[in-house]
Amino acid sequence: MKNSLVARLLRKVHADQEGAISLETVLIIAAVALPILIFLYKVAWPRVQNMFNTRMQPLEDTGAVP
């Protein structure tokens, strides 16, 4: 009897498709977003950091920034 109960539960869980579409959507979004984020981190972030440091230097020289 225990085997049949476990077997029925496994069949029920395996046949349940609820939430599969949302999971697939999240996986597709992650597959698209991850390379974009890696690109931004590797290419754009050093430029942003350099621009920030360049523009902060005059403020630091005048003593406006503690």
N, C-alpha and C. Protein backbone atom coordinates (compact mmCIF):
# COMPACT_ATOMS: atom_id res chain seq x y z
N MET A 1 0.82 -1.19 0.00
CA MET A 1 0.00 0.00 0.00
C MET A 1 0.87 1.26 0.00
N LYS A 2 1.98 1.23 0.75
CA LYS A 2 2.85 2.40 0.80
C LYS A 2 3.47 2.69 -0.56
N ASN A 3 3.84 1.66 -1.29
CA ASN A 3 4.41 1.86 -2.62
C ASN A 3 3.41 2.51 -3.56
N SER A 4 2.18 2.09 -3.49
CA SER A 4 1.19 2.66 -4.39
C SER A 4 0.91 4.12 -4.04
N LEU A 5 0.95 4.45 -2.74
CA LEU A 5 0.75 5.84 -2.33
C LEU A 5 1.89 6.72 -2.83
N VAL A 6 3.12 6.25 -2.68
CA VAL A 6 4.28 7.00 -3.15
C VAL A 6 4.26 7.11 -4.67
N ALA A 7 3.89 6.02 -5.33
CA ALA A 7 3.84 6.03 -6.79
C ALA A 7 2.78 7.01 -7.28
N ARG A 8 1.62 7.04 -6.63
CA ARG A 8 0.58 7.99 -7.03
C ARG A 8 1.03 9.42 -6.80
N LEU A 9 1.70 9.65 -5.68
CA LEU A 9 2.19 11.00 -5.37
C LEU A 9 3.23 11.44 -6.41
N LEU A 10 4.14 10.56 -6.74
CA LEU A 10 5.16 10.89 -7.74
C LEU A 10 4.53 11.16 -9.11
N ARG A 11 3.54 10.35 -9.50
CA ARG A 11 2.87 10.59 -10.78
C ARG A 11 2.15 11.94 -10.78
N LYS A 12 1.52 12.25 -9.64
CA LYS A 12 0.79 13.51 -9.54
C LYS A 12 1.74 14.70 -9.62
N VAL A 13 2.87 14.63 -8.92
CA VAL A 13 3.85 15.72 -8.94
C VAL A 13 4.48 15.84 -10.32
N HIS A 14 4.78 14.72 -10.94
CA HIS A 14 5.41 14.73 -12.26
C HIS A 14 4.47 15.29 -13.32
N ALA A 15 3.19 15.03 -13.21
CA ALA A 15 2.22 15.48 -14.21
C ALA A 15 1.82 16.94 -14.01
N ASP A 16 2.13 17.52 -12.86
CA ASP A 16 1.72 18.89 -12.57
C ASP A 16 2.56 19.86 -13.39
N GLN A 17 1.91 20.64 -14.25
CA GLN A 17 2.60 21.59 -15.12
C GLN A 17 2.46 23.03 -14.63
N GLU A 18 1.81 23.24 -13.52
CA GLU A 18 1.57 24.59 -13.01
C GLU A 18 2.90 25.24 -12.63
N GLY A 19 3.11 26.42 -13.12
CA GLY A 19 4.33 27.15 -12.83
C GLY A 19 5.47 26.90 -13.80
N ALA A 20 5.29 25.95 -14.71
CA ALA A 20 6.37 25.64 -15.65
C ALA A 20 6.63 26.79 -16.60
N ILE A 21 5.59 27.45 -17.05
CA ILE A 21 5.77 28.56 -18.00
C ILE A 21 6.49 29.72 -17.34
N SER A 22 6.12 30.03 -16.09
CA SER A 22 6.80 31.13 -15.42
C SER A 22 8.26 30.79 -15.14
N LEU A 23 8.54 29.54 -14.81
CA LEU A 23 9.92 29.13 -14.60
C LEU A 23 10.72 29.23 -15.89
N GLU A 24 10.14 28.80 -16.99
CA GLU A 24 10.82 28.90 -18.28
C GLU A 24 11.08 30.37 -18.65
N THR A 25 10.11 31.23 -18.35
CA THR A 25 10.28 32.65 -18.64
C THR A 25 11.42 33.23 -17.83
N VAL A 26 11.50 32.89 -16.57
CA VAL A 26 12.59 33.38 -15.71
C VAL A 26 13.93 32.88 -16.22
N LEU A 27 14.00 31.63 -16.63
CA LEU A 27 15.26 31.09 -17.15
C LEU A 27 15.69 31.78 -18.44
N ILE A 28 14.74 32.08 -19.32
CA ILE A 28 15.07 32.78 -20.57
C ILE A 28 15.55 34.19 -20.27
N ILE A 29 14.87 34.88 -19.35
CA ILE A 29 15.29 36.24 -18.98
C ILE A 29 16.69 36.21 -18.38
N ALA A 30 16.96 35.22 -17.53
CA ALA A 30 18.29 35.11 -16.93
C ALA A 30 19.35 34.80 -17.99
N ALA A 31 19.00 33.98 -18.97
CA ALA A 31 19.96 33.64 -20.03
C ALA A 31 20.28 34.85 -20.89
N VAL A 32 19.35 35.77 -21.02
CA VAL A 32 19.60 36.98 -21.80
C VAL A 32 20.31 38.03 -20.94
N ALA A 33 19.91 38.16 -19.69
CA ALA A 33 20.44 39.22 -18.83
C ALA A 33 21.88 38.94 -18.37
N LEU A 34 22.22 37.70 -18.14
CA LEU A 34 23.55 37.38 -17.63
C LEU A 34 24.67 37.84 -18.57
N PRO A 35 24.64 37.54 -19.86
CA PRO A 35 25.71 38.05 -20.74
C PRO A 35 25.75 39.58 -20.81
N ILE A 36 24.57 40.21 -20.75
CA ILE A 36 24.54 41.68 -20.77
C ILE A 36 25.21 42.23 -19.52
N LEU A 37 24.91 41.66 -18.36
CA LEU A 37 25.53 42.12 -17.12
C LEU A 37 27.03 41.88 -17.11
N ILE A 38 27.47 40.75 -17.63
CA ILE A 38 28.90 40.47 -17.70
C ILE A 38 29.59 41.49 -18.62
N PHE A 39 28.97 41.78 -19.76
CA PHE A 39 29.52 42.77 -20.68
C PHE A 39 29.62 44.14 -20.01
N LEU A 40 28.55 44.55 -19.33
CA LEU A 40 28.57 45.85 -18.66
C LEU A 40 29.64 45.90 -17.58
N TYR A 41 29.80 44.82 -16.85
CA TYR A 41 30.80 44.79 -15.78
C TYR A 41 32.21 44.86 -16.35
N LYS A 42 32.46 44.13 -17.43
CA LYS A 42 33.80 44.07 -18.01
C LYS A 42 34.16 45.30 -18.83
N VAL A 43 33.20 45.88 -19.56
CA VAL A 43 33.49 46.95 -20.50
C VAL A 43 33.07 48.32 -19.97
N ALA A 44 31.83 48.44 -19.54
CA ALA A 44 31.30 49.76 -19.19
C ALA A 44 31.72 50.21 -17.80
N TRP A 45 31.81 49.31 -16.83
CA TRP A 45 32.11 49.73 -15.47
C TRP A 45 33.47 50.42 -15.35
N PRO A 46 34.55 49.93 -15.98
CA PRO A 46 35.81 50.67 -15.88
C PRO A 46 35.71 52.09 -16.45
N ARG A 47 34.93 52.28 -17.50
CA ARG A 47 34.75 53.62 -18.05
C ARG A 47 34.00 54.52 -17.08
N VAL A 48 32.96 54.00 -16.47
CA VAL A 48 32.18 54.78 -15.51
C VAL A 48 33.05 55.12 -14.30
N GLN A 49 33.80 54.16 -13.82
CA GLN A 49 34.67 54.39 -12.68
C GLN A 49 35.74 55.43 -13.00
N ASN A 50 36.32 55.35 -14.18
CA ASN A 50 37.33 56.31 -14.60
C ASN A 50 36.73 57.71 -14.71
N MET A 51 35.54 57.82 -15.29
CA MET A 51 34.88 59.11 -15.41
C MET A 51 34.58 59.69 -14.03
N PHE A 52 34.12 58.87 -13.12
CA PHE A 52 33.83 59.32 -11.76
C PHE A 52 35.09 59.82 -11.07
N ASN A 53 36.16 59.03 -11.16
CA ASN A 53 37.41 59.43 -10.52
C ASN A 53 37.98 60.70 -11.12
N THR A 54 37.87 60.86 -12.45
CA THR A 54 38.36 62.06 -13.13
C THR A 54 37.59 63.29 -12.66
N ARG A 55 36.30 63.17 -12.51
CA ARG A 55 35.51 64.32 -12.10
C ARG A 55 35.58 64.58 -10.60
N MET A 56 35.97 63.62 -9.82
CA MET A 56 36.12 63.82 -8.38
C MET A 56 37.46 64.47 -8.03
N GLN A 57 38.44 64.30 -8.88
CA GLN A 57 39.79 64.80 -8.59
C GLN A 57 39.81 66.30 -8.34
N PRO A 58 39.17 67.15 -9.16
CA PRO A 58 39.18 68.60 -8.86
C PRO A 58 38.52 68.92 -7.53
N LEU A 59 37.48 68.19 -7.17
CA LEU A 59 36.83 68.44 -5.88
C LEU A 59 37.75 68.07 -4.72
N GLU A 60 38.48 66.99 -4.88
CA GLU A 60 39.40 66.58 -3.82
C GLU A 60 40.55 67.58 -3.71
N ASP A 61 41.01 68.12 -4.84
CA ASP A 61 42.12 69.06 -4.81
C ASP A 61 41.73 70.37 -4.12
N THR A 62 40.48 70.79 -4.27
CA THR A 62 40.05 72.06 -3.63
C THR A 62 39.64 71.85 -2.18
N GLY A 63 39.54 70.62 -1.75
CA GLY A 63 39.18 70.36 -0.36
C GLY A 63 37.68 70.36 -0.13
N ALA A 64 36.90 70.30 -1.18
CA ALA A 64 35.44 70.31 -1.05
C ALA A 64 34.92 68.96 -0.55
N VAL A 65 35.69 67.90 -0.77
CA VAL A 65 35.28 66.58 -0.33
C VAL A 65 36.11 66.21 0.89
N PRO A 66 35.48 65.84 1.98
CA PRO A 66 36.25 65.53 3.20
C PRO A 66 37.08 64.29 3.06
